[in-house]
Amino acid sequence: MRTLTIISRIFVGLLFIFSGFIKANDTVGFSYKLVEYFEVFNMHFLVSLALPLAMFICIFEIVVGFTLLMGSRIKLTLWLLLLMILFFTFLTFYSAYFNKVTSCGCFGDAIPLTPWQSFIKDLVLLVFIIILFIGKKYLTPIFKGKVESVLIIVVIIASTSFPLYTYNYLPIIDFRPYKIGTDLYAAINPQMKYYYILKNKKTGEQKEFESWPENWDTDYDYIDNRTEPLDKNVKPIIGYTMNNEYGENYTNEFLQKEGFKFLLVEYDLEKANVDVQGKINDFASVCEINHIEFAGLTSADSLKTAEFKKEHNISYPFYLNPDDVPLKTMIRSNPGLILLNGSKVIEMWHYHTFPSFTDVKEKYFKE
């Protein structure tokens, strides 16, 4: 029992730290996932608290993971772990059974899990936590006294500082499909390979084919098909469009233009930080002088966009995408600046670190 308890201690502790760290790396993205859950349960009054709650959950997971590994405050730690896993087990079961939230967000974009996969993960964790309760006497503290208290304080400070940093300066590790190095055109227009699932009429055996077999209609029954990118390094992007004010699609035209260009993403103009708008306007003006394209992208409609441009003396063009999800996924900043070379993502900036054109030119536009 002692060995099983020690294994459970290490497994549960490390998993909670990993889960908290991954979500803390992208607290804005995790807050979007919480909003989905709030809407499913008609808890709209919590939507405005999604971001602080996201940070709290990240910090909580990291801290209890460390206290479990250190054997600190073990009685409190075990009860907190149990209550948390019971809550999330119910949540993931509800989401899976009623098909309410298609991705749980447990490990952010790093390890996407379906609700059923997440539910099974929570059940496994529940078993390990029950083992910890049974073998509680073996969970002795590694440190005691002042050393233990100091370590807990350090962990709390570090686990609080990290999500605050990533919130203000973008994720440190990027798992999103729009990350630096991504070829947006290739991801939006991926070459797909088709597979056909057919059932042999005589044997009843189901088999997957890359192309239609001869006499398939007489020998086989069609069951299903699936597709996957021909280039497995390409993560397909769905829902990304760039329309003009008349609804004409300029996505491929914009992305296929050669050379450097900037895309300013403001998924919600009403929530956008406008304190940086003066810098943005100056930056766009210098881009125009240097014959470098600068454009905005928003989910607002054409009327609101026109009003926003007039209010803030904006001269650069705006493209429209009625779906805000791809825009919120592109960059965790509103507004956020993206540098492209052709259709390849070269760099991203949060509005807190909005660059000067001179710095960008010296780093990226050298002859």
Protein backbone atom coordinates (compact mmCIF):
# COMPACT_ATOMS: atom_id res chain seq x y z
CA MET A 1 0.00 0.00 0.00
CA ARG A 2 2.89 2.30 0.78
CA THR A 3 4.31 1.96 -2.73
CA LEU A 4 0.90 2.49 -4.35
CA THR A 5 0.34 5.59 -2.21
CA ILE A 6 3.72 7.05 -3.19
CA ILE A 7 3.02 6.38 -6.89
CA SER A 8 -0.40 8.03 -6.53
CA ARG A 9 1.15 11.00 -4.74
CA ILE A 10 3.66 11.61 -7.52
CA PHE A 11 1.16 10.99 -10.35
CA VAL A 12 -1.61 13.21 -8.96
CA GLY A 13 0.78 15.96 -7.83
CA LEU A 14 2.61 16.19 -11.15
CA LEU A 15 -0.62 15.99 -13.17
CA PHE A 16 -2.20 18.87 -11.24
CA ILE A 17 0.96 20.97 -11.61
CA PHE A 18 1.10 20.21 -15.34
CA SER A 19 -2.60 20.96 -15.80
CA GLY A 20 -2.32 24.24 -13.90
CA PHE A 21 0.85 25.28 -15.73
CA ILE A 22 -0.59 24.58 -19.20
CA LYS A 23 -3.72 26.61 -18.46
CA ALA A 24 -1.71 29.38 -16.74
CA ASN A 25 0.35 29.64 -19.92
CA ASP A 26 -2.84 30.76 -21.70
CA THR A 27 -5.26 32.07 -19.08
CA VAL A 28 -7.18 34.11 -21.66
CA GLY A 29 -7.86 30.98 -23.71
CA PHE A 30 -8.91 29.10 -20.58
CA SER A 31 -11.26 31.94 -19.63
CA TYR A 32 -12.97 31.55 -23.03
CA LYS A 33 -13.55 27.89 -22.19
CA LEU A 34 -15.05 28.83 -18.80
CA VAL A 35 -17.45 31.18 -20.57
CA GLU A 36 -18.66 28.21 -22.64
CA TYR A 37 -19.42 26.28 -19.44
CA PHE A 38 -21.17 29.28 -17.86
CA GLU A 39 -23.40 29.61 -20.91
CA VAL A 40 -24.20 25.88 -20.91
CA PHE A 41 -25.33 26.08 -17.27
CA ASN A 42 -27.07 29.44 -17.77
CA MET A 43 -24.70 31.08 -15.29
CA HIS A 44 -24.28 34.23 -17.35
CA PHE A 45 -23.65 36.31 -14.22
CA LEU A 46 -20.23 34.62 -13.96
CA VAL A 47 -19.10 35.55 -17.49
CA SER A 48 -17.50 38.79 -16.32
CA LEU A 49 -15.54 36.80 -13.71
CA ALA A 50 -14.23 34.23 -16.20
CA LEU A 51 -10.69 35.62 -16.35
CA PRO A 52 -10.05 35.94 -12.58
CA LEU A 53 -11.65 32.52 -12.06
CA ALA A 54 -9.41 31.06 -14.76
CA MET A 55 -6.36 32.46 -13.00
CA PHE A 56 -7.55 31.20 -9.62
CA ILE A 57 -8.08 27.64 -10.93
CA CYS A 58 -4.60 27.61 -12.51
CA ILE A 59 -2.98 28.84 -9.30
CA PHE A 60 -5.06 26.44 -7.19
CA GLU A 61 -4.03 23.39 -9.26
CA ILE A 62 -0.34 24.26 -9.15
CA VAL A 63 -0.33 24.97 -5.40
CA VAL A 64 -2.24 21.83 -4.34
CA GLY A 65 -0.05 19.77 -6.69
CA PHE A 66 3.07 21.08 -4.93
CA THR A 67 1.64 20.71 -1.42
CA LEU A 68 0.76 17.09 -2.22
CA LEU A 69 4.27 16.36 -3.49
CA MET A 70 5.79 18.05 -0.42
CA GLY A 71 3.32 16.38 1.95
CA SER A 72 2.34 19.78 3.33
CA ARG A 73 -1.03 20.45 4.95
CA ILE A 74 -1.91 16.96 3.77
CA LYS A 75 -5.40 16.70 5.28
CA LEU A 76 -6.50 20.01 3.72
CA THR A 77 -4.76 19.17 0.44
CA LEU A 78 -6.51 15.81 0.09
CA TRP A 79 -9.95 17.25 0.76
CA LEU A 80 -9.38 20.08 -1.70
CA LEU A 81 -8.25 17.57 -4.33
CA LEU A 82 -11.27 15.35 -3.71
CA LEU A 83 -13.80 18.17 -3.86
CA MET A 84 -12.22 19.57 -7.01
CA ILE A 85 -12.09 16.24 -8.84
CA LEU A 86 -15.69 15.42 -7.88
CA PHE A 87 -16.83 18.76 -9.26
CA PHE A 88 -14.94 18.37 -12.54
CA THR A 89 -16.00 14.73 -12.91
CA PHE A 90 -19.63 15.83 -12.77
CA LEU A 91 -18.92 18.71 -15.15
CA THR A 92 -17.16 16.59 -17.77
CA PHE A 93 -19.81 13.85 -17.54
CA TYR A 94 -22.59 16.38 -18.05
CA SER A 95 -20.75 17.94 -21.01
CA ALA A 96 -20.07 14.54 -22.56
CA TYR A 97 -23.50 13.00 -22.00
CA PHE A 98 -25.43 16.02 -23.26
CA ASN A 99 -22.74 17.00 -25.81
CA LYS A 100 -22.63 20.56 -24.52
CA VAL A 101 -18.92 21.46 -24.71
CA THR A 102 -16.92 19.67 -27.41
CA SER A 103 -13.49 20.27 -25.84
CA CYS A 104 -12.97 20.40 -22.09
CA GLY A 105 -9.90 22.67 -22.02
CA CYS A 106 -8.27 20.61 -19.24
CA PHE A 107 -4.85 20.89 -20.84
CA GLY A 108 -5.53 23.90 -23.06
CA ASP A 109 -4.51 23.60 -26.71
CA ALA A 110 -1.51 21.44 -25.77
CA ILE A 111 -3.51 18.21 -25.37
CA PRO A 112 -7.06 18.60 -26.68
CA LEU A 113 -9.44 16.18 -24.97
CA THR A 114 -13.03 15.36 -25.82
CA PRO A 115 -15.48 15.50 -22.89
CA TRP A 116 -15.59 11.68 -22.69
CA GLN A 117 -11.78 11.49 -22.63
CA SER A 118 -11.73 14.15 -19.94
CA PHE A 119 -14.40 12.30 -17.95
CA ILE A 120 -12.32 9.10 -18.04
CA LYS A 121 -9.25 11.10 -17.01
CA ASP A 122 -11.17 12.50 -14.03
CA LEU A 123 -12.37 9.02 -13.03
CA VAL A 124 -8.77 7.75 -13.06
CA LEU A 125 -7.70 10.72 -10.96
CA LEU A 126 -10.57 10.06 -8.56
CA VAL A 127 -9.31 6.49 -8.04
CA PHE A 128 -5.79 7.72 -7.31
CA ILE A 129 -7.08 10.35 -4.88
CA ILE A 130 -9.12 7.70 -3.03
CA ILE A 131 -5.91 5.66 -2.77
CA LEU A 132 -4.24 8.72 -1.22
CA PHE A 133 -7.00 8.92 1.39
CA ILE A 134 -6.60 5.23 2.23
CA GLY A 135 -2.82 5.50 2.49
CA LYS A 136 -2.81 8.93 4.14
CA LYS A 137 -0.46 7.75 6.92
CA TYR A 138 2.28 7.28 4.34
CA LEU A 139 2.06 10.90 3.12
CA THR A 140 4.73 12.32 5.38
CA PRO A 141 5.99 15.88 4.80
CA ILE A 142 9.35 16.30 3.08
CA PHE A 143 9.95 19.68 4.73
CA LYS A 144 8.80 21.04 8.06
CA GLY A 145 8.62 24.32 9.96
CA LYS A 146 9.85 27.51 8.35
CA VAL A 147 11.26 25.77 5.27
CA GLU A 148 7.84 24.32 4.47
CA SER A 149 6.11 27.70 4.93
CA VAL A 150 8.68 29.53 2.82
CA LEU A 151 8.37 27.00 -0.02
CA ILE A 152 4.58 27.28 -0.02
CA ILE A 153 4.81 31.09 -0.16
CA VAL A 154 7.32 30.90 -3.03
CA VAL A 155 5.06 28.50 -4.96
CA ILE A 156 2.04 30.76 -4.44
CA ILE A 157 3.96 33.83 -5.63
CA ALA A 158 5.40 32.02 -8.66
CA SER A 159 2.10 30.40 -9.65
CA THR A 160 0.36 33.79 -9.37
CA SER A 161 3.02 35.71 -11.29
CA PHE A 162 3.07 33.32 -14.24
CA PRO A 163 -0.58 33.67 -15.40
CA LEU A 164 -0.42 37.41 -14.81
CA TYR A 165 2.64 37.58 -17.08
CA THR A 166 1.14 35.48 -19.87
CA TYR A 167 -2.08 37.49 -19.68
CA ASN A 168 -0.18 40.72 -20.23
CA TYR A 169 2.49 39.48 -22.66
CA LEU A 170 1.00 36.50 -24.59
CA PRO A 171 1.59 32.78 -23.91
CA ILE A 172 5.21 31.73 -23.52
CA ILE A 173 4.60 28.36 -25.17
CA ASP A 174 2.19 28.57 -28.09
CA PHE A 175 0.09 25.51 -28.96
CA ARG A 176 -2.48 27.33 -31.11
CA PRO A 177 -2.88 26.70 -34.87
CA TYR A 178 -1.83 30.32 -35.59
CA LYS A 179 1.50 30.15 -33.76
CA ILE A 180 4.69 31.72 -35.10
CA GLY A 181 5.98 29.74 -38.08
CA THR A 182 2.52 28.73 -39.31
CA ASP A 183 1.74 29.11 -43.00
CA LEU A 184 -1.81 30.45 -42.78
CA TYR A 185 -2.64 29.85 -46.43
CA ALA A 186 -1.57 26.21 -46.22
CA ALA A 187 -3.49 25.75 -42.96
CA ILE A 188 -6.66 27.41 -44.26
CA ASN A 189 -6.49 25.57 -47.59
CA PRO A 190 -4.92 22.23 -46.62
CA GLN A 191 -4.46 19.49 -49.18
CA MET A 192 -6.55 16.64 -47.82
CA LYS A 193 -6.23 12.91 -48.21
CA TYR A 194 -9.48 10.92 -48.29
CA TYR A 195 -10.08 7.52 -46.74
CA TYR A 196 -13.15 5.37 -47.39
CA ILE A 197 -14.51 2.90 -44.85
CA LEU A 198 -16.26 0.02 -46.60
CA LYS A 199 -17.88 -3.19 -45.40
CA ASN A 200 -17.38 -6.46 -47.25
CA LYS A 201 -20.80 -7.81 -48.17
CA LYS A 202 -19.73 -11.44 -47.81
CA THR A 203 -17.56 -11.40 -44.68
CA GLY A 204 -18.97 -8.33 -42.95
CA GLU A 205 -15.41 -7.07 -42.38
CA GLN A 206 -14.93 -3.32 -42.36
CA LYS A 207 -11.81 -1.98 -44.01
CA GLU A 208 -10.36 1.44 -44.80
CA PHE A 209 -9.27 2.23 -48.36
CA GLU A 210 -7.26 5.11 -49.76
CA SER A 211 -9.07 4.78 -53.08
CA TRP A 212 -12.20 3.04 -54.32
CA PRO A 213 -11.53 -0.67 -54.94
CA GLU A 214 -12.65 -2.29 -58.16
CA ASN A 215 -16.28 -3.39 -58.17
CA TRP A 216 -16.71 -1.78 -54.79
CA ASP A 217 -20.44 -1.30 -55.35
CA THR A 218 -21.00 -5.02 -55.82
CA ASP A 219 -18.52 -6.29 -53.20
CA TYR A 220 -18.78 -3.60 -50.52
CA ASP A 221 -21.25 -1.38 -48.68
CA TYR A 222 -20.23 2.19 -48.03
CA ILE A 223 -19.98 2.93 -44.28
CA ASP A 224 -18.17 6.24 -43.82
CA ASN A 225 -15.22 8.36 -44.87
CA ARG A 226 -12.64 10.55 -43.21
CA THR A 227 -9.99 13.03 -44.23
CA GLU A 228 -6.63 14.09 -42.91
CA PRO A 229 -4.08 16.65 -44.13
CA LEU A 230 -1.68 15.33 -46.75
CA ASP A 231 1.05 17.15 -44.82
CA LYS A 232 0.70 15.94 -41.23
CA ASN A 233 2.66 18.96 -40.00
CA VAL A 234 -0.21 21.23 -41.08
CA LYS A 235 -2.93 21.81 -38.50
CA PRO A 236 -6.05 22.81 -40.48
CA ILE A 237 -7.64 26.15 -39.60
CA ILE A 238 -11.43 26.38 -39.85
CA GLY A 239 -13.56 29.52 -39.87
CA TYR A 240 -10.90 32.05 -40.83
CA THR A 241 -12.15 34.54 -43.42
CA MET A 242 -11.33 38.10 -44.45
CA ASN A 243 -14.30 39.83 -46.07
CA ASN A 244 -14.60 43.43 -47.18
CA GLU A 245 -17.54 45.64 -46.20
CA TYR A 246 -19.58 44.23 -49.11
CA GLY A 247 -19.07 40.62 -48.02
CA GLU A 248 -16.52 39.77 -50.71
CA ASN A 249 -13.89 37.27 -49.56
CA TYR A 250 -10.31 38.52 -49.73
CA THR A 251 -8.70 35.81 -47.58
CA ASN A 252 -6.59 34.09 -50.20
CA GLU A 253 -5.81 37.31 -52.05
CA PHE A 254 -4.45 38.91 -48.87
CA LEU A 255 -2.44 35.87 -47.78
CA GLN A 256 -0.98 35.14 -51.21
CA LYS A 257 0.51 38.60 -51.57
CA GLU A 258 4.27 38.33 -51.30
CA GLY A 259 6.35 40.31 -48.86
CA PHE A 260 5.90 41.55 -45.31
CA LYS A 261 2.54 42.81 -44.07
CA PHE A 262 0.85 43.51 -40.76
CA LEU A 263 -2.50 42.29 -39.52
CA LEU A 264 -4.05 44.01 -36.52
CA VAL A 265 -6.56 41.67 -34.88
CA GLU A 266 -9.36 43.26 -32.82
CA TYR A 267 -11.93 40.55 -32.26
CA ASP A 268 -14.27 42.92 -30.37
CA LEU A 269 -14.05 46.64 -31.11
CA GLU A 270 -16.19 47.51 -28.09
CA LYS A 271 -13.80 45.70 -25.73
CA ALA A 272 -10.59 46.71 -27.51
CA ASN A 273 -7.98 48.68 -25.59
CA VAL A 274 -8.07 52.07 -27.33
CA ASP A 275 -5.24 53.64 -25.30
CA VAL A 276 -2.78 52.21 -27.81
CA GLN A 277 -4.75 53.39 -30.86
CA GLY A 278 -2.55 56.47 -31.34
CA LYS A 279 0.53 54.23 -31.63
CA ILE A 280 -1.33 51.97 -34.03
CA ASN A 281 -2.32 54.86 -36.29
CA ASP A 282 1.25 56.18 -36.36
CA PHE A 283 2.59 52.70 -37.08
CA ALA A 284 0.11 52.21 -39.93
CA SER A 285 1.05 55.60 -41.43
CA VAL A 286 4.74 54.70 -41.46
CA CYS A 287 3.86 51.35 -43.07
CA GLU A 288 2.04 53.20 -45.84
CA ILE A 289 5.05 55.45 -46.44
CA ASN A 290 7.27 52.35 -46.66
CA HIS A 291 4.80 50.55 -48.97
CA ILE A 292 4.10 47.78 -46.44
CA GLU A 293 0.52 46.63 -46.15
CA PHE A 294 -1.27 47.17 -42.86
CA ALA A 295 -4.83 45.97 -42.29
CA GLY A 296 -7.21 45.32 -39.42
CA LEU A 297 -9.37 42.26 -38.84
CA THR A 298 -12.46 42.28 -36.63
CA SER A 299 -15.67 40.35 -35.97
CA ALA A 300 -17.70 43.58 -35.82
CA ASP A 301 -20.13 44.33 -38.63
CA SER A 302 -19.37 46.93 -41.30
CA LEU A 303 -21.44 49.66 -39.61
CA LYS A 304 -19.72 49.34 -36.23
CA THR A 305 -16.36 49.11 -37.95
CA ALA A 306 -17.01 52.31 -39.91
CA GLU A 307 -18.06 54.10 -36.72
CA PHE A 308 -14.93 52.86 -34.92
CA LYS A 309 -12.68 54.03 -37.76
CA LYS A 310 -14.28 57.46 -37.78
CA GLU A 311 -14.12 57.84 -33.99
CA HIS A 312 -10.42 56.98 -33.85
CA ASN A 313 -9.27 58.59 -37.13
CA ILE A 314 -8.29 55.26 -38.66
CA SER A 315 -7.20 55.26 -42.30
CA TYR A 316 -6.05 51.66 -42.72
CA PRO A 317 -8.58 49.12 -44.10
CA PHE A 318 -10.47 46.62 -41.98
CA TYR A 319 -11.43 43.12 -43.03
CA LEU A 320 -14.42 41.44 -41.40
CA ASN A 321 -14.97 37.95 -40.04
CA PRO A 322 -18.41 37.45 -38.45
CA ASP A 323 -17.07 34.64 -36.25
CA ASP A 324 -15.01 35.96 -33.34
CA VAL A 325 -13.65 32.52 -32.32
CA PRO A 326 -10.83 32.36 -34.94
CA LEU A 327 -9.84 35.93 -34.06
CA LYS A 328 -9.72 35.21 -30.32
CA THR A 329 -7.65 32.14 -31.13
CA MET A 330 -5.21 33.97 -33.40
CA ILE A 331 -3.76 36.19 -30.67
CA ARG A 332 -4.65 36.58 -27.00
CA SER A 333 -4.72 40.35 -27.17
CA ASN A 334 -7.39 42.83 -28.22
CA PRO A 335 -5.88 44.46 -30.20
CA GLY A 336 -2.91 42.32 -31.14
CA LEU A 337 -0.44 42.80 -33.97
CA ILE A 338 0.75 40.00 -36.27
CA LEU A 339 3.63 40.24 -38.76
CA LEU A 340 3.33 38.05 -41.84
CA ASN A 341 5.78 37.32 -44.63
CA GLY A 342 3.54 36.14 -47.41
CA SER A 343 1.19 33.91 -45.43
CA LYS A 344 3.74 32.80 -42.84
CA VAL A 345 3.41 34.11 -39.27
CA ILE A 346 6.71 35.78 -38.32
CA GLU A 347 5.96 37.55 -35.02
CA MET A 348 3.16 38.64 -32.68
CA TRP A 349 2.82 41.53 -30.22
CA HIS A 350 0.44 42.16 -27.35
CA TYR A 351 -0.83 45.73 -27.15
CA HIS A 352 1.26 46.11 -23.97
CA THR A 353 4.38 45.58 -26.07
CA PHE A 354 3.28 47.29 -29.28
CA PRO A 355 6.52 47.82 -31.26
CA SER A 356 7.95 50.80 -33.05
CA PHE A 357 8.31 50.53 -36.81
CA THR A 358 12.04 51.25 -36.52
CA ASP A 359 12.60 48.26 -34.21
CA VAL A 360 10.63 45.95 -36.49
CA LYS A 361 12.44 47.22 -39.57
CA GLU A 362 15.88 46.71 -38.03
CA LYS A 363 15.04 43.18 -36.96
CA TYR A 364 13.00 41.86 -39.88
CA PHE A 365 13.29 44.12 -42.93
CA LYS A 366 17.03 44.14 -43.45
CA GLU A 367 18.10 43.87 -47.06
